Structures are given as structure tokens and as C-alpha cells.
Amino acid sequence: MKRIFGVAFISVLVDQLIKQLVIRHYEFAHSVDIIPNFFRITYLKNTGAAFSVLMGNQLFLIFVTLGFLSLIYFFFIKGQKLNKLEMYLYGFLIGGALSNLIDRIHYNYVIDYLDFNIGDYNYPVFNFADICIVISIIGLIVLNVRGNSNGN
């Protein structure tokens, strides 16, 4: 359990530090090329969820996040015998969700800053917390499918 909360704490810390650097050093809605035609830092304020879904519904998104965190803890972590990888994945999941929750409560929006072009497609701007959430969910799904296919 300590490992999960340690990973979550580090994930929150890293994301919040990056967000503070972005707020202090970048102009809102202005992009700075890091790798031309591929990667930029673009400081945006997202009042919605992923891909700006549910824009302007901060209170609802706060409660959804709190419910999600409670479900994860009570159904998937509490009383479970987790291996190290599962602990890290749950730590990243909780950390990412908490960091974006902190933004929603403190700013009334989530700070996004990672902006990628893949070919002609400009991918929606996101943040480190989002990376933690997506990687952890993919990892947990893969572990679950692999475990089920092995008869576990």
C-alpha cells in the first residue's frame, strides 16, 4: 500500500511541478516549438474531461473523480494481494487522477501543455497526469487479459 501511495505522490508532484513551470514561463494559448512540426508546449486551460468532453462541468467532474478514486480503492486495491507492477500501475492511476483533481479544485480547470502533431493530425493537448492515467489503464487491462488467458 505504501508503494501505491508513494508512486501516486511522486506522480502528483512531477505533474504539479511541470504545470507550475508552464504557468510561470509560457503564455496562455501560445505554442512554443520544441521539435518543429511534431512537438510543442502549449499552455491551455481545459474545463472538461478528456478531449474537452463535458466542458464547464467542474463540480460534476470533481465528484466523478472522487467516485472513481473510491471505486478503485475499495474494489481493486483494498484487501487485494497486488504484485509490484500492479502497485505501480495503481499508483500512477491514482496520482494522475489526483493531480488533475487538484487543478479542478484549485483553478476550476485542468492545465494541459503537451501538444503533438502526428502527420497532419494535431493531437489534443494533454499533460503528464493524463499520461499516467492512460498508461496505467492500458497496463492494468493487459495484465488482466494476460492473467485471464493464463487461467488466473
C-alpha atoms as a PDB file:
ATOM      1  CA  MET A   1       0.000   0.000   0.000  1.00  0.00           C
ATOM      2  CA  LYS A   2       2.890   2.364   0.771  1.00  0.00           C
ATOM      3  CA  ARG A   3       4.292   1.774  -2.715  1.00  0.00           C
ATOM      4  CA  ILE A   4       0.969   2.745  -4.332  1.00  0.00           C
ATOM      5  CA  PHE A   5       0.732   5.987  -2.389  1.00  0.00           C
ATOM      6  CA  GLY A   6       4.439   6.723  -2.915  1.00  0.00           C
ATOM      7  CA  VAL A   7       4.079   6.374  -6.687  1.00  0.00           C
ATOM      8  CA  ALA A   8       0.876   8.436  -6.580  1.00  0.00           C
ATOM      9  CA  PHE A   9       2.628  11.168  -4.572  1.00  0.00           C
ATOM     10  CA  ILE A  10       5.588  11.306  -6.980  1.00  0.00           C
ATOM     11  CA  SER A  11       3.217  11.398  -9.987  1.00  0.00           C
ATOM     12  CA  VAL A  12       1.283  14.304  -8.477  1.00  0.00           C
ATOM     13  CA  LEU A  13       4.491  16.110  -7.555  1.00  0.00           C
ATOM     14  CA  VAL A  14       6.010  15.778 -11.051  1.00  0.00           C
ATOM     15  CA  ASP A  15       2.802  16.859 -12.804  1.00  0.00           C
ATOM     16  CA  GLN A  16       2.172  19.800 -10.491  1.00  0.00           C
ATOM     17  CA  LEU A  17       5.785  20.988 -10.802  1.00  0.00           C
ATOM     18  CA  ILE A  18       5.614  20.866 -14.592  1.00  0.00           C
ATOM     19  CA  LYS A  19       2.296  22.730 -14.507  1.00  0.00           C
ATOM     20  CA  GLN A  20       3.812  25.459 -12.328  1.00  0.00           C
ATOM     21  CA  LEU A  21       6.719  25.814 -14.762  1.00  0.00           C
ATOM     22  CA  VAL A  22       4.262  26.083 -17.652  1.00  0.00           C
ATOM     23  CA  ILE A  23       2.161  28.715 -15.838  1.00  0.00           C
ATOM     24  CA  ARG A  24       5.253  30.777 -14.974  1.00  0.00           C
ATOM     25  CA  HIS A  25       7.155  30.532 -18.253  1.00  0.00           C
ATOM     26  CA  TYR A  26       4.597  30.172 -21.043  1.00  0.00           C
ATOM     27  CA  GLU A  27       1.907  32.485 -22.271  1.00  0.00           C
ATOM     28  CA  PHE A  28      -1.641  31.113 -22.204  1.00  0.00           C
ATOM     29  CA  ALA A  29      -2.792  29.626 -25.548  1.00  0.00           C
ATOM     30  CA  HIS A  30       0.620  30.300 -27.130  1.00  0.00           C
ATOM     31  CA  SER A  31       2.683  27.432 -28.561  1.00  0.00           C
ATOM     32  CA  VAL A  32       6.449  27.076 -28.380  1.00  0.00           C
ATOM     33  CA  ASP A  33       8.043  24.620 -30.801  1.00  0.00           C
ATOM     34  CA  ILE A  34      10.272  22.048 -29.131  1.00  0.00           C
ATOM     35  CA  ILE A  35      10.575  19.685 -32.120  1.00  0.00           C
ATOM     36  CA  PRO A  36       9.309  21.539 -35.223  1.00  0.00           C
ATOM     37  CA  ASN A  37       6.230  20.003 -36.886  1.00  0.00           C
ATOM     38  CA  PHE A  38       5.982  17.368 -34.127  1.00  0.00           C
ATOM     39  CA  PHE A  39       6.018  18.619 -30.500  1.00  0.00           C
ATOM     40  CA  ARG A  40       5.137  21.921 -28.855  1.00  0.00           C
ATOM     41  CA  ILE A  41       4.451  23.217 -25.377  1.00  0.00           C
ATOM     42  CA  THR A  42       1.043  24.873 -25.471  1.00  0.00           C
ATOM     43  CA  TYR A  43      -0.427  26.186 -22.224  1.00  0.00           C
ATOM     44  CA  LEU A  44      -4.188  25.532 -22.242  1.00  0.00           C
ATOM     45  CA  LYS A  45      -6.945  25.510 -19.635  1.00  0.00           C
ATOM     46  CA  ASN A  46      -9.267  22.525 -20.034  1.00  0.00           C
ATOM     47  CA  THR A  47     -12.625  22.943 -18.320  1.00  0.00           C
ATOM     48  CA  GLY A  48     -13.720  19.498 -19.494  1.00  0.00           C
ATOM     49  CA  ALA A  49     -12.510  15.928 -19.275  1.00  0.00           C
ATOM     50  CA  ALA A  50     -10.516  14.019 -21.911  1.00  0.00           C
ATOM     51  CA  PHE A  51     -10.799  15.651 -25.359  1.00  0.00           C
ATOM     52  CA  SER A  52     -12.680  18.530 -23.631  1.00  0.00           C
ATOM     53  CA  VAL A  53     -15.790  16.385 -23.101  1.00  0.00           C
ATOM     54  CA  LEU A  54     -18.227  17.839 -20.516  1.00  0.00           C
ATOM     55  CA  MET A  55     -16.716  21.330 -20.736  1.00  0.00           C
ATOM     56  CA  GLY A  56     -17.732  23.614 -17.899  1.00  0.00           C
ATOM     57  CA  ASN A  57     -18.976  20.846 -15.607  1.00  0.00           C
ATOM     58  CA  GLN A  58     -16.227  21.118 -12.988  1.00  0.00           C
ATOM     59  CA  LEU A  59     -18.322  20.182  -9.967  1.00  0.00           C
ATOM     60  CA  PHE A  60     -19.643  17.093 -11.739  1.00  0.00           C
ATOM     61  CA  LEU A  61     -16.101  16.120 -12.837  1.00  0.00           C
ATOM     62  CA  ILE A  62     -14.810  16.585  -9.286  1.00  0.00           C
ATOM     63  CA  PHE A  63     -17.457  14.212  -7.936  1.00  0.00           C
ATOM     64  CA  VAL A  64     -16.872  11.717 -10.747  1.00  0.00           C
ATOM     65  CA  THR A  65     -13.138  11.723  -9.961  1.00  0.00           C
ATOM     66  CA  LEU A  66     -13.762  11.244  -6.233  1.00  0.00           C
ATOM     67  CA  GLY A  67     -16.164   8.381  -7.017  1.00  0.00           C
ATOM     68  CA  PHE A  68     -13.671   6.846  -9.444  1.00  0.00           C
ATOM     69  CA  LEU A  69     -10.867   7.002  -6.852  1.00  0.00           C
ATOM     70  CA  SER A  70     -13.136   5.450  -4.217  1.00  0.00           C
ATOM     71  CA  LEU A  71     -14.146   2.606  -6.548  1.00  0.00           C
ATOM     72  CA  ILE A  72     -10.529   1.923  -7.497  1.00  0.00           C
ATOM     73  CA  TYR A  73      -9.513   1.760  -3.851  1.00  0.00           C
ATOM     74  CA  PHE A  74     -12.413  -0.298  -2.492  1.00  0.00           C
ATOM     75  CA  PHE A  75     -12.816  -2.729  -5.411  1.00  0.00           C
ATOM     76  CA  PHE A  76      -9.300  -3.139  -6.771  1.00  0.00           C
ATOM     77  CA  ILE A  77      -6.775  -2.243  -4.057  1.00  0.00           C
ATOM     78  CA  LYS A  78      -8.160  -2.700  -0.537  1.00  0.00           C
ATOM     79  CA  GLY A  79      -7.580  -6.234   0.705  1.00  0.00           C
ATOM     80  CA  GLN A  80      -6.038  -7.377  -2.598  1.00  0.00           C
ATOM     81  CA  LYS A  81      -2.683  -9.086  -2.966  1.00  0.00           C
ATOM     82  CA  LEU A  82      -1.080  -6.976  -5.690  1.00  0.00           C
ATOM     83  CA  ASN A  83       2.263  -7.578  -7.352  1.00  0.00           C
ATOM     84  CA  LYS A  84       4.800  -4.754  -7.771  1.00  0.00           C
ATOM     85  CA  LEU A  85       3.717  -3.894 -11.298  1.00  0.00           C
ATOM     86  CA  GLU A  86       0.072  -3.646 -10.250  1.00  0.00           C
ATOM     87  CA  MET A  87       1.061  -1.405  -7.335  1.00  0.00           C
ATOM     88  CA  TYR A  88       2.979   0.915  -9.670  1.00  0.00           C
ATOM     89  CA  LEU A  89       0.130   0.983 -12.169  1.00  0.00           C
ATOM     90  CA  TYR A  90      -2.463   1.785  -9.499  1.00  0.00           C
ATOM     91  CA  GLY A  91      -0.088   4.414  -8.094  1.00  0.00           C
ATOM     92  CA  PHE A  92       0.163   6.110 -11.496  1.00  0.00           C
ATOM     93  CA  LEU A  93      -3.604   5.893 -11.967  1.00  0.00           C
ATOM     94  CA  ILE A  94      -4.339   7.453  -8.580  1.00  0.00           C
ATOM     95  CA  GLY A  95      -1.577  10.046  -8.959  1.00  0.00           C
ATOM     96  CA  GLY A  96      -2.776  11.164 -12.380  1.00  0.00           C
ATOM     97  CA  ALA A  97      -6.382  11.409 -11.245  1.00  0.00           C
ATOM     98  CA  LEU A  98      -5.409  13.295  -8.072  1.00  0.00           C
ATOM     99  CA  SER A  99      -3.211  15.774  -9.917  1.00  0.00           C
ATOM    100  CA  ASN A 100      -5.962  16.696 -12.363  1.00  0.00           C
ATOM    101  CA  LEU A 101      -8.406  16.814  -9.420  1.00  0.00           C
ATOM    102  CA  ILE A 102      -6.097  19.293  -7.658  1.00  0.00           C
ATOM    103  CA  ASP A 103      -6.237  21.500 -10.766  1.00  0.00           C
ATOM    104  CA  ARG A 104     -10.025  21.293 -10.960  1.00  0.00           C
ATOM    105  CA  ILE A 105     -10.396  22.289  -7.309  1.00  0.00           C
ATOM    106  CA  HIS A 106      -7.662  24.957  -7.284  1.00  0.00           C
ATOM    107  CA  TYR A 107      -8.091  26.560 -10.731  1.00  0.00           C
ATOM    108  CA  ASN A 108     -11.529  25.342 -11.862  1.00  0.00           C
ATOM    109  CA  TYR A 109      -9.842  23.808 -14.930  1.00  0.00           C
ATOM    110  CA  VAL A 110      -7.042  21.358 -15.748  1.00  0.00           C
ATOM    111  CA  ILE A 111      -3.747  22.687 -17.080  1.00  0.00           C
ATOM    112  CA  ASP A 112      -2.694  20.971 -20.307  1.00  0.00           C
ATOM    113  CA  TYR A 113       0.615  21.592 -22.065  1.00  0.00           C
ATOM    114  CA  LEU A 114       1.833  18.656 -24.213  1.00  0.00           C
ATOM    115  CA  ASP A 115       0.940  19.313 -27.852  1.00  0.00           C
ATOM    116  CA  PHE A 116       1.819  16.796 -30.600  1.00  0.00           C
ATOM    117  CA  ASN A 117       1.341  16.688 -34.361  1.00  0.00           C
ATOM    118  CA  ILE A 118       1.332  13.200 -35.812  1.00  0.00           C
ATOM    119  CA  GLY A 119       1.395  13.608 -39.586  1.00  0.00           C
ATOM    120  CA  ASP A 120      -1.397  16.040 -40.437  1.00  0.00           C
ATOM    121  CA  TYR A 121      -3.248  15.289 -37.190  1.00  0.00           C
ATOM    122  CA  ASN A 122      -2.893  17.729 -34.300  1.00  0.00           C
ATOM    123  CA  TYR A 123      -3.500  15.518 -31.248  1.00  0.00           C
ATOM    124  CA  PRO A 124      -5.470  17.146 -28.371  1.00  0.00           C
ATOM    125  CA  VAL A 125      -3.236  18.869 -25.818  1.00  0.00           C
ATOM    126  CA  PHE A 126      -2.732  16.860 -22.618  1.00  0.00           C
ATOM    127  CA  ASN A 127      -0.481  16.664 -19.538  1.00  0.00           C
ATOM    128  CA  PHE A 128       1.754  14.283 -17.565  1.00  0.00           C
ATOM    129  CA  ALA A 129      -1.174  13.248 -15.329  1.00  0.00           C
ATOM    130  CA  ASP A 130      -3.079  12.130 -18.422  1.00  0.00           C
ATOM    131  CA  ILE A 131      -0.083  10.020 -19.474  1.00  0.00           C
ATOM    132  CA  CYS A 132      -0.059   8.370 -16.036  1.00  0.00           C
ATOM    133  CA  ILE A 133      -3.771   7.595 -16.286  1.00  0.00           C
ATOM    134  CA  VAL A 134      -3.662   6.198 -19.828  1.00  0.00           C
ATOM    135  CA  ILE A 135      -0.529   4.078 -19.330  1.00  0.00           C
ATOM    136  CA  SER A 136      -1.854   2.652 -16.062  1.00  0.00           C
ATOM    137  CA  ILE A 137      -5.245   1.758 -17.541  1.00  0.00           C
ATOM    138  CA  ILE A 138      -3.628   0.098 -20.572  1.00  0.00           C
ATOM    139  CA  GLY A 139      -1.214  -1.766 -18.296  1.00  0.00           C
ATOM    140  CA  LEU A 140      -3.974  -2.970 -15.989  1.00  0.00           C
ATOM    141  CA  ILE A 141      -6.085  -4.127 -18.925  1.00  0.00           C
ATOM    142  CA  VAL A 142      -3.123  -6.014 -20.420  1.00  0.00           C
ATOM    143  CA  LEU A 143      -2.359  -7.644 -17.061  1.00  0.00           C
ATOM    144  CA  ASN A 144      -5.995  -8.622 -16.625  1.00  0.00           C
ATOM    145  CA  VAL A 145      -6.328 -10.075 -20.133  1.00  0.00           C
ATOM    146  CA  ARG A 146      -2.998 -11.874 -19.865  1.00  0.00           C
ATOM    147  CA  GLY A 147      -3.918 -13.183 -16.419  1.00  0.00           C
ATOM    148  CA  ASN A 148      -7.298 -14.401 -17.640  1.00  0.00           C
ATOM    149  CA  SER A 149      -5.785 -16.075 -20.700  1.00  0.00           C
ATOM    150  CA  ASN A 150      -3.341 -17.928 -18.416  1.00  0.00           C
ATOM    151  CA  GLY A 151      -6.206 -19.219 -16.313  1.00  0.00           C
ATOM    152  CA  ASN A 152      -5.523 -16.814 -13.407  1.00  0.00           C
END
